[in-house]
Amino acid sequence: MEESHDAYKREYRKVTIRTIDGSTILGKVNIGIKDRVSDIFTKTENPFIVLFDVEHKDIAGKVLFVNRNNIVWVEPED
């Protein structure tokens, strides 16, 4: 079975995420073939959001997997 190269498109957007415990996480998400950042949070069945180049407390430049159920809001940067 051959995979489509479009499924692995890299298109990064910076976001700020607030979690239910009050933490604020800065990072980048790959929107890939989707049109908008909001599509990652509303038009996918995967319960986890992958963040790259994360800045949170003592963490810098790492990758985090955040459960969508723990997200209060997301603010994309222009």
PDB file of N, CA and C in Angstrom:
ATOM      1  N   MET A   1       0.840  -1.181   0.000  1.00  0.00           N
ATOM      2  CA  MET A   1       0.000   0.000   0.000  1.00  0.00           C
ATOM      3  C   MET A   1       0.881   1.239   0.000  1.00  0.00           C
ATOM      4  N   GLU A   2       0.663   2.127  -0.914  1.00  0.00           N
ATOM      5  CA  GLU A   2       1.486   3.326  -1.047  1.00  0.00           C
ATOM      6  C   GLU A   2       0.837   4.498  -0.313  1.00  0.00           C
ATOM      7  N   GLU A   3       1.642   5.207   0.481  1.00  0.00           N
ATOM      8  CA  GLU A   3       1.159   6.356   1.244  1.00  0.00           C
ATOM      9  C   GLU A   3       1.203   7.615   0.370  1.00  0.00           C
ATOM     10  N   SER A   4       0.254   8.488   0.580  1.00  0.00           N
ATOM     11  CA  SER A   4       0.236   9.765  -0.125  1.00  0.00           C
ATOM     12  C   SER A   4       1.240  10.717   0.515  1.00  0.00           C
ATOM     13  N   HIS A   5       2.036  11.387  -0.299  1.00  0.00           N
ATOM     14  CA  HIS A   5       3.003  12.350   0.226  1.00  0.00           C
ATOM     15  C   HIS A   5       2.310  13.571   0.814  1.00  0.00           C
ATOM     16  N   ASP A   6       1.094  13.878   0.356  1.00  0.00           N
ATOM     17  CA  ASP A   6       0.346  15.015   0.885  1.00  0.00           C
ATOM     18  C   ASP A   6      -0.006  14.839   2.348  1.00  0.00           C
ATOM     19  N   ALA A   7      -0.151  13.604   2.807  1.00  0.00           N
ATOM     20  CA  ALA A   7      -0.526  13.339   4.194  1.00  0.00           C
ATOM     21  C   ALA A   7       0.580  13.749   5.155  1.00  0.00           C
ATOM     22  N   TYR A   8       1.788  13.961   4.665  1.00  0.00           N
ATOM     23  CA  TYR A   8       2.919  14.290   5.518  1.00  0.00           C
ATOM     24  C   TYR A   8       3.461  15.694   5.272  1.00  0.00           C
ATOM     25  N   LYS A   9       2.638  16.549   4.739  1.00  0.00           N
ATOM     26  CA  LYS A   9       3.037  17.931   4.487  1.00  0.00           C
ATOM     27  C   LYS A   9       3.346  18.623   5.814  1.00  0.00           C
ATOM     28  N   ARG A  10       4.377  19.441   5.844  1.00  0.00           N
ATOM     29  CA  ARG A  10       4.757  20.182   7.053  1.00  0.00           C
ATOM     30  C   ARG A  10       4.412  21.652   6.885  1.00  0.00           C
ATOM     31  N   GLU A  11       3.515  22.102   7.725  1.00  0.00           N
ATOM     32  CA  GLU A  11       3.074  23.497   7.717  1.00  0.00           C
ATOM     33  C   GLU A  11       2.882  23.883   9.184  1.00  0.00           C
ATOM     34  N   TYR A  12       3.888  24.551   9.763  1.00  0.00           N
ATOM     35  CA  TYR A  12       3.876  24.842  11.194  1.00  0.00           C
ATOM     36  C   TYR A  12       3.245  26.191  11.502  1.00  0.00           C
ATOM     37  N   ARG A  13       2.502  26.228  12.619  1.00  0.00           N
ATOM     38  CA  ARG A  13       1.907  27.459  13.126  1.00  0.00           C
ATOM     39  C   ARG A  13       2.190  27.561  14.622  1.00  0.00           C
ATOM     40  N   LYS A  14       2.514  28.774  15.079  1.00  0.00           N
ATOM     41  CA  LYS A  14       2.739  29.001  16.507  1.00  0.00           C
ATOM     42  C   LYS A  14       1.397  29.147  17.216  1.00  0.00           C
ATOM     43  N   VAL A  15       1.302  28.538  18.410  1.00  0.00           N
ATOM     44  CA  VAL A  15       0.076  28.612  19.198  1.00  0.00           C
ATOM     45  C   VAL A  15       0.415  28.789  20.673  1.00  0.00           C
ATOM     46  N   THR A  16      -0.541  29.338  21.400  1.00  0.00           N
ATOM     47  CA  THR A  16      -0.506  29.383  22.849  1.00  0.00           C
ATOM     48  C   THR A  16      -1.697  28.563  23.325  1.00  0.00           C
ATOM     49  N   ILE A  17      -1.437  27.634  24.239  1.00  0.00           N
ATOM     50  CA  ILE A  17      -2.488  26.752  24.743  1.00  0.00           C
ATOM     51  C   ILE A  17      -2.617  26.933  26.245  1.00  0.00           C
ATOM     52  N   ARG A  18      -3.865  27.027  26.730  1.00  0.00           N
ATOM     53  CA  ARG A  18      -4.143  27.062  28.167  1.00  0.00           C
ATOM     54  C   ARG A  18      -4.797  25.726  28.526  1.00  0.00           C
ATOM     55  N   THR A  19      -4.274  25.075  29.561  1.00  0.00           N
ATOM     56  CA  THR A  19      -4.814  23.783  29.986  1.00  0.00           C
ATOM     57  C   THR A  19      -5.729  23.949  31.192  1.00  0.00           C
ATOM     58  N   ILE A  20      -6.449  22.890  31.545  1.00  0.00           N
ATOM     59  CA  ILE A  20      -7.425  22.974  32.640  1.00  0.00           C
ATOM     60  C   ILE A  20      -6.775  23.235  33.991  1.00  0.00           C
ATOM     61  N   ASP A  21      -5.478  22.934  34.131  1.00  0.00           N
ATOM     62  CA  ASP A  21      -4.805  23.213  35.404  1.00  0.00           C
ATOM     63  C   ASP A  21      -4.235  24.633  35.451  1.00  0.00           C
ATOM     64  N   GLY A  22      -4.502  25.438  34.411  1.00  0.00           N
ATOM     65  CA  GLY A  22      -4.057  26.823  34.378  1.00  0.00           C
ATOM     66  C   GLY A  22      -2.704  27.033  33.732  1.00  0.00           C
ATOM     67  N   SER A  23      -2.064  25.979  33.256  1.00  0.00           N
ATOM     68  CA  SER A  23      -0.764  26.101  32.599  1.00  0.00           C
ATOM     69  C   SER A  23      -0.916  26.730  31.221  1.00  0.00           C
ATOM     70  N   THR A  24       0.085  27.508  30.845  1.00  0.00           N
ATOM     71  CA  THR A  24       0.132  28.090  29.507  1.00  0.00           C
ATOM     72  C   THR A  24       1.327  27.490  28.786  1.00  0.00           C
ATOM     73  N   ILE A  25       1.084  26.939  27.612  1.00  0.00           N
ATOM     74  CA  ILE A  25       2.120  26.280  26.822  1.00  0.00           C
ATOM     75  C   ILE A  25       2.248  27.001  25.492  1.00  0.00           C
ATOM     76  N   LEU A  26       3.470  27.373  25.140  1.00  0.00           N
ATOM     77  CA  LEU A  26       3.753  27.986  23.841  1.00  0.00           C
ATOM     78  C   LEU A  26       4.449  26.945  22.986  1.00  0.00           C
ATOM     79  N   GLY A  27       4.085  26.872  21.717  1.00  0.00           N
ATOM     80  CA  GLY A  27       4.728  25.908  20.836  1.00  0.00           C
ATOM     81  C   GLY A  27       4.225  26.026  19.415  1.00  0.00           C
ATOM     82  N   LYS A  28       4.580  25.038  18.614  1.00  0.00           N
ATOM     83  CA  LYS A  28       4.168  24.995  17.216  1.00  0.00           C
ATOM     84  C   LYS A  28       3.410  23.709  16.963  1.00  0.00           C
ATOM     85  N   VAL A  29       2.392  23.795  16.116  1.00  0.00           N
ATOM     86  CA  VAL A  29       1.662  22.619  15.667  1.00  0.00           C
ATOM     87  C   VAL A  29       1.821  22.509  14.159  1.00  0.00           C
ATOM     88  N   ASN A  30       1.762  21.294  13.663  1.00  0.00           N
ATOM     89  CA  ASN A  30       1.833  21.066  12.224  1.00  0.00           C
ATOM     90  C   ASN A  30       0.411  20.923  11.710  1.00  0.00           C
ATOM     91  N   ILE A  31      -0.062  21.911  10.940  1.00  0.00           N
ATOM     92  CA  ILE A  31      -1.409  21.808  10.398  1.00  0.00           C
ATOM     93  C   ILE A  31      -1.432  20.924   9.157  1.00  0.00           C
ATOM     94  N   GLY A  32      -0.268  20.643   8.587  1.00  0.00           N
ATOM     95  CA  GLY A  32      -0.172  19.732   7.452  1.00  0.00           C
ATOM     96  C   GLY A  32      -1.069  20.131   6.303  1.00  0.00           C
ATOM     97  N   ILE A  33      -1.987  19.231   5.943  1.00  0.00           N
ATOM     98  CA  ILE A  33      -2.878  19.472   4.803  1.00  0.00           C
ATOM     99  C   ILE A  33      -4.167  20.179   5.213  1.00  0.00           C
ATOM    100  N   LYS A  34      -4.305  20.466   6.491  1.00  0.00           N
ATOM    101  CA  LYS A  34      -5.507  21.163   6.961  1.00  0.00           C
ATOM    102  C   LYS A  34      -5.424  22.649   6.602  1.00  0.00           C
ATOM    103  N   ASP A  35      -6.575  23.306   6.584  1.00  0.00           N
ATOM    104  CA  ASP A  35      -6.627  24.714   6.197  1.00  0.00           C
ATOM    105  C   ASP A  35      -6.317  25.666   7.340  1.00  0.00           C
ATOM    106  N   ARG A  36      -6.733  25.289   8.571  1.00  0.00           N
ATOM    107  CA  ARG A  36      -6.618  26.200   9.703  1.00  0.00           C
ATOM    108  C   ARG A  36      -6.123  25.475  10.942  1.00  0.00           C
ATOM    109  N   VAL A  37      -5.616  26.222  11.895  1.00  0.00           N
ATOM    110  CA  VAL A  37      -5.184  25.656  13.173  1.00  0.00           C
ATOM    111  C   VAL A  37      -6.371  24.995  13.870  1.00  0.00           C
ATOM    112  N   SER A  38      -7.532  25.613  13.814  1.00  0.00           N
ATOM    113  CA  SER A  38      -8.704  25.066  14.504  1.00  0.00           C
ATOM    114  C   SER A  38      -9.080  23.675  14.007  1.00  0.00           C
ATOM    115  N   ASP A  39      -8.738  23.343  12.763  1.00  0.00           N
ATOM    116  CA  ASP A  39      -9.047  22.014  12.228  1.00  0.00           C
ATOM    117  C   ASP A  39      -8.348  20.907  13.015  1.00  0.00           C
ATOM    118  N   ILE A  40      -7.180  21.191  13.563  1.00  0.00           N
ATOM    119  CA  ILE A  40      -6.448  20.198  14.353  1.00  0.00           C
ATOM    120  C   ILE A  40      -7.234  19.833  15.610  1.00  0.00           C
ATOM    121  N   PHE A  41      -7.932  20.809  16.155  1.00  0.00           N
ATOM    122  CA  PHE A  41      -8.637  20.608  17.410  1.00  0.00           C
ATOM    123  C   PHE A  41     -10.084  20.174  17.222  1.00  0.00           C
ATOM    124  N   THR A  42     -10.646  20.367  16.033  1.00  0.00           N
ATOM    125  CA  THR A  42     -12.060  20.052  15.819  1.00  0.00           C
ATOM    126  C   THR A  42     -12.323  18.975  14.771  1.00  0.00           C
ATOM    127  N   LYS A  43     -11.404  18.764  13.842  1.00  0.00           N
ATOM    128  CA  LYS A  43     -11.667  17.841  12.737  1.00  0.00           C
ATOM    129  C   LYS A  43     -10.720  16.647  12.736  1.00  0.00           C
ATOM    130  N   THR A  44     -10.367  16.171  13.916  1.00  0.00           N
ATOM    131  CA  THR A  44      -9.517  14.994  14.014  1.00  0.00           C
ATOM    132  C   THR A  44     -10.011  14.127  15.160  1.00  0.00           C
ATOM    133  N   GLU A  45      -9.803  12.824  15.041  1.00  0.00           N
ATOM    134  CA  GLU A  45     -10.233  11.904  16.091  1.00  0.00           C
ATOM    135  C   GLU A  45      -9.108  11.597  17.073  1.00  0.00           C
ATOM    136  N   ASN A  46      -7.881  12.002  16.744  1.00  0.00           N
ATOM    137  CA  ASN A  46      -6.749  11.745  17.623  1.00  0.00           C
ATOM    138  C   ASN A  46      -6.917  12.551  18.912  1.00  0.00           C
ATOM    139  N   PRO A  47      -6.839  11.900  20.079  1.00  0.00           N
ATOM    140  CA  PRO A  47      -7.035  12.626  21.340  1.00  0.00           C
ATOM    141  C   PRO A  47      -5.843  13.492  21.750  1.00  0.00           C
ATOM    142  N   PHE A  48      -4.709  13.366  21.064  1.00  0.00           N
ATOM    143  CA  PHE A  48      -3.516  14.109  21.441  1.00  0.00           C
ATOM    144  C   PHE A  48      -3.106  15.110  20.366  1.00  0.00           C
ATOM    145  N   ILE A  49      -2.657  16.278  20.823  1.00  0.00           N
ATOM    146  CA  ILE A  49      -2.110  17.314  19.959  1.00  0.00           C
ATOM    147  C   ILE A  49      -0.601  17.301  20.160  1.00  0.00           C
ATOM    148  N   VAL A  50       0.153  17.269  19.077  1.00  0.00           N
ATOM    149  CA  VAL A  50       1.610  17.257  19.155  1.00  0.00           C
ATOM    150  C   VAL A  50       2.116  18.687  19.016  1.00  0.00           C
ATOM    151  N   LEU A  51       2.884  19.133  20.004  1.00  0.00           N
ATOM    152  CA  LEU A  51       3.477  20.474  20.001  1.00  0.00           C
ATOM    153  C   LEU A  51       4.986  20.354  19.866  1.00  0.00           C
ATOM    154  N   PHE A  52       5.582  21.167  18.997  1.00  0.00           N
ATOM    155  CA  PHE A  52       7.020  21.206  18.770  1.00  0.00           C
ATOM    156  C   PHE A  52       7.589  22.509  19.320  1.00  0.00           C
ATOM    157  N   ASP A  53       8.887  22.519  19.587  1.00  0.00           N
ATOM    158  CA  ASP A  53       9.567  23.730  20.070  1.00  0.00           C
ATOM    159  C   ASP A  53       8.814  24.362  21.243  1.00  0.00           C
ATOM    160  N   VAL A  54       8.464  23.545  22.200  1.00  0.00           N
ATOM    161  CA  VAL A  54       7.630  23.960  23.327  1.00  0.00           C
ATOM    162  C   VAL A  54       8.399  24.819  24.323  1.00  0.00           C
ATOM    163  N   GLU A  55       7.708  25.826  24.850  1.00  0.00           N
ATOM    164  CA  GLU A  55       8.199  26.642  25.961  1.00  0.00           C
ATOM    165  C   GLU A  55       7.161  26.554  27.068  1.00  0.00           C
ATOM    166  N   HIS A  56       7.555  25.916  28.183  1.00  0.00           N
ATOM    167  CA  HIS A  56       6.646  25.750  29.319  1.00  0.00           C
ATOM    168  C   HIS A  56       7.475  25.486  30.567  1.00  0.00           C
ATOM    169  N   LYS A  57       7.360  26.348  31.546  1.00  0.00           N
ATOM    170  CA  LYS A  57       8.126  26.242  32.793  1.00  0.00           C
ATOM    171  C   LYS A  57       9.606  26.057  32.474  1.00  0.00           C
ATOM    172  N   ASP A  58      10.193  24.908  32.853  1.00  0.00           N
ATOM    173  CA  ASP A  58      11.615  24.644  32.621  1.00  0.00           C
ATOM    174  C   ASP A  58      11.889  23.949  31.290  1.00  0.00           C
ATOM    175  N   ILE A  59      10.862  23.763  30.491  1.00  0.00           N
ATOM    176  CA  ILE A  59      10.998  23.054  29.224  1.00  0.00           C
ATOM    177  C   ILE A  59      11.201  24.068  28.095  1.00  0.00           C
ATOM    178  N   ALA A  60      12.162  23.804  27.225  1.00  0.00           N
ATOM    179  CA  ALA A  60      12.375  24.654  26.053  1.00  0.00           C
ATOM    180  C   ALA A  60      12.863  23.794  24.896  1.00  0.00           C
ATOM    181  N   GLY A  61      12.204  23.915  23.753  1.00  0.00           N
ATOM    182  CA  GLY A  61      12.632  23.214  22.555  1.00  0.00           C
ATOM    183  C   GLY A  61      12.254  21.748  22.502  1.00  0.00           C
ATOM    184  N   LYS A  62      11.402  21.297  23.379  1.00  0.00           N
ATOM    185  CA  LYS A  62      11.005  19.887  23.426  1.00  0.00           C
ATOM    186  C   LYS A  62       9.724  19.652  22.639  1.00  0.00           C
ATOM    187  N   VAL A  63       9.329  18.382  22.566  1.00  0.00           N
ATOM    188  CA  VAL A  63       8.070  17.972  21.949  1.00  0.00           C
ATOM    189  C   VAL A  63       7.140  17.511  23.068  1.00  0.00           C
ATOM    190  N   LEU A  64       5.894  17.998  23.051  1.00  0.00           N
ATOM    191  CA  LEU A  64       4.892  17.577  24.034  1.00  0.00           C
ATOM    192  C   LEU A  64       3.671  17.026  23.312  1.00  0.00           C
ATOM    193  N   PHE A  65       3.053  16.032  23.926  1.00  0.00           N
ATOM    194  CA  PHE A  65       1.780  15.501  23.458  1.00  0.00           C
ATOM    195  C   PHE A  65       0.745  15.925  24.491  1.00  0.00           C
ATOM    196  N   VAL A  66      -0.219  16.741  24.091  1.00  0.00           N
ATOM    197  CA  VAL A  66      -1.215  17.270  25.017  1.00  0.00           C
ATOM    198  C   VAL A  66      -2.568  16.652  24.688  1.00  0.00           C
ATOM    199  N   ASN A  67      -3.224  16.121  25.711  1.00  0.00           N
ATOM    200  CA  ASN A  67      -4.550  15.549  25.526  1.00  0.00           C
ATOM    201  C   ASN A  67      -5.549  16.668  25.262  1.00  0.00           C
ATOM    202  N   ARG A  68      -6.311  16.549  24.193  1.00  0.00           N
ATOM    203  CA  ARG A  68      -7.275  17.592  23.826  1.00  0.00           C
ATOM    204  C   ARG A  68      -8.307  17.838  24.924  1.00  0.00           C
ATOM    205  N   ASN A  69      -8.611  16.815  25.718  1.00  0.00           N
ATOM    206  CA  ASN A  69      -9.589  16.966  26.806  1.00  0.00           C
ATOM    207  C   ASN A  69      -9.093  17.898  27.905  1.00  0.00           C
ATOM    208  N   ASN A  70      -7.795  18.168  27.944  1.00  0.00           N
ATOM    209  CA  ASN A  70      -7.209  19.028  28.971  1.00  0.00           C
ATOM    210  C   ASN A  70      -6.978  20.459  28.494  1.00  0.00           C
ATOM    211  N   ILE A  71      -7.445  20.790  27.297  1.00  0.00           N
ATOM    212  CA  ILE A  71      -7.238  22.120  26.731  1.00  0.00           C
ATOM    213  C   ILE A  71      -8.477  22.980  26.951  1.00  0.00           C
ATOM    214  N   VAL A  72      -8.269  24.175  27.505  1.00  0.00           N
ATOM    215  CA  VAL A  72      -9.353  25.129  27.719  1.00  0.00           C
ATOM    216  C   VAL A  72      -9.504  26.030  26.498  1.00  0.00           C
ATOM    217  N   TRP A  73      -8.375  26.588  26.019  1.00  0.00           N
ATOM    218  CA  TRP A  73      -8.403  27.425  24.821  1.00  0.00           C
ATOM    219  C   TRP A  73      -7.065  27.386  24.103  1.00  0.00           C
ATOM    220  N   VAL A  74      -7.112  27.774  22.836  1.00  0.00           N
ATOM    221  CA  VAL A  74      -5.907  27.849  21.990  1.00  0.00           C
ATOM    222  C   VAL A  74      -5.948  29.176  21.239  1.00  0.00           C
ATOM    223  N   GLU A  75      -4.805  29.859  21.244  1.00  0.00           N
ATOM    224  CA  GLU A  75      -4.689  31.114  20.511  1.00  0.00           C
ATOM    225  C   GLU A  75      -3.586  30.973  19.460  1.00  0.00           C
ATOM    226  N   PRO A  76      -3.949  30.942  18.174  1.00  0.00           N
ATOM    227  CA  PRO A  76      -2.922  30.904  17.130  1.00  0.00           C
ATOM    228  C   PRO A  76      -2.282  32.282  16.958  1.00  0.00           C
ATOM    229  N   GLU A  77      -0.989  32.297  16.649  1.00  0.00           N
ATOM    230  CA  GLU A  77      -0.308  33.553  16.333  1.00  0.00           C
ATOM    231  C   GLU A  77      -0.359  33.762  14.828  1.00  0.00           C
ATOM    232  N   ASP A  78      -0.385  35.014  14.428  1.00  0.00           N
ATOM    233  CA  ASP A  78      -0.433  35.330  12.987  1.00  0.00           C
ATOM    234  C   ASP A  78       0.918  35.196  12.361  1.00  0.00           C
TER     235      ASP A  78
END
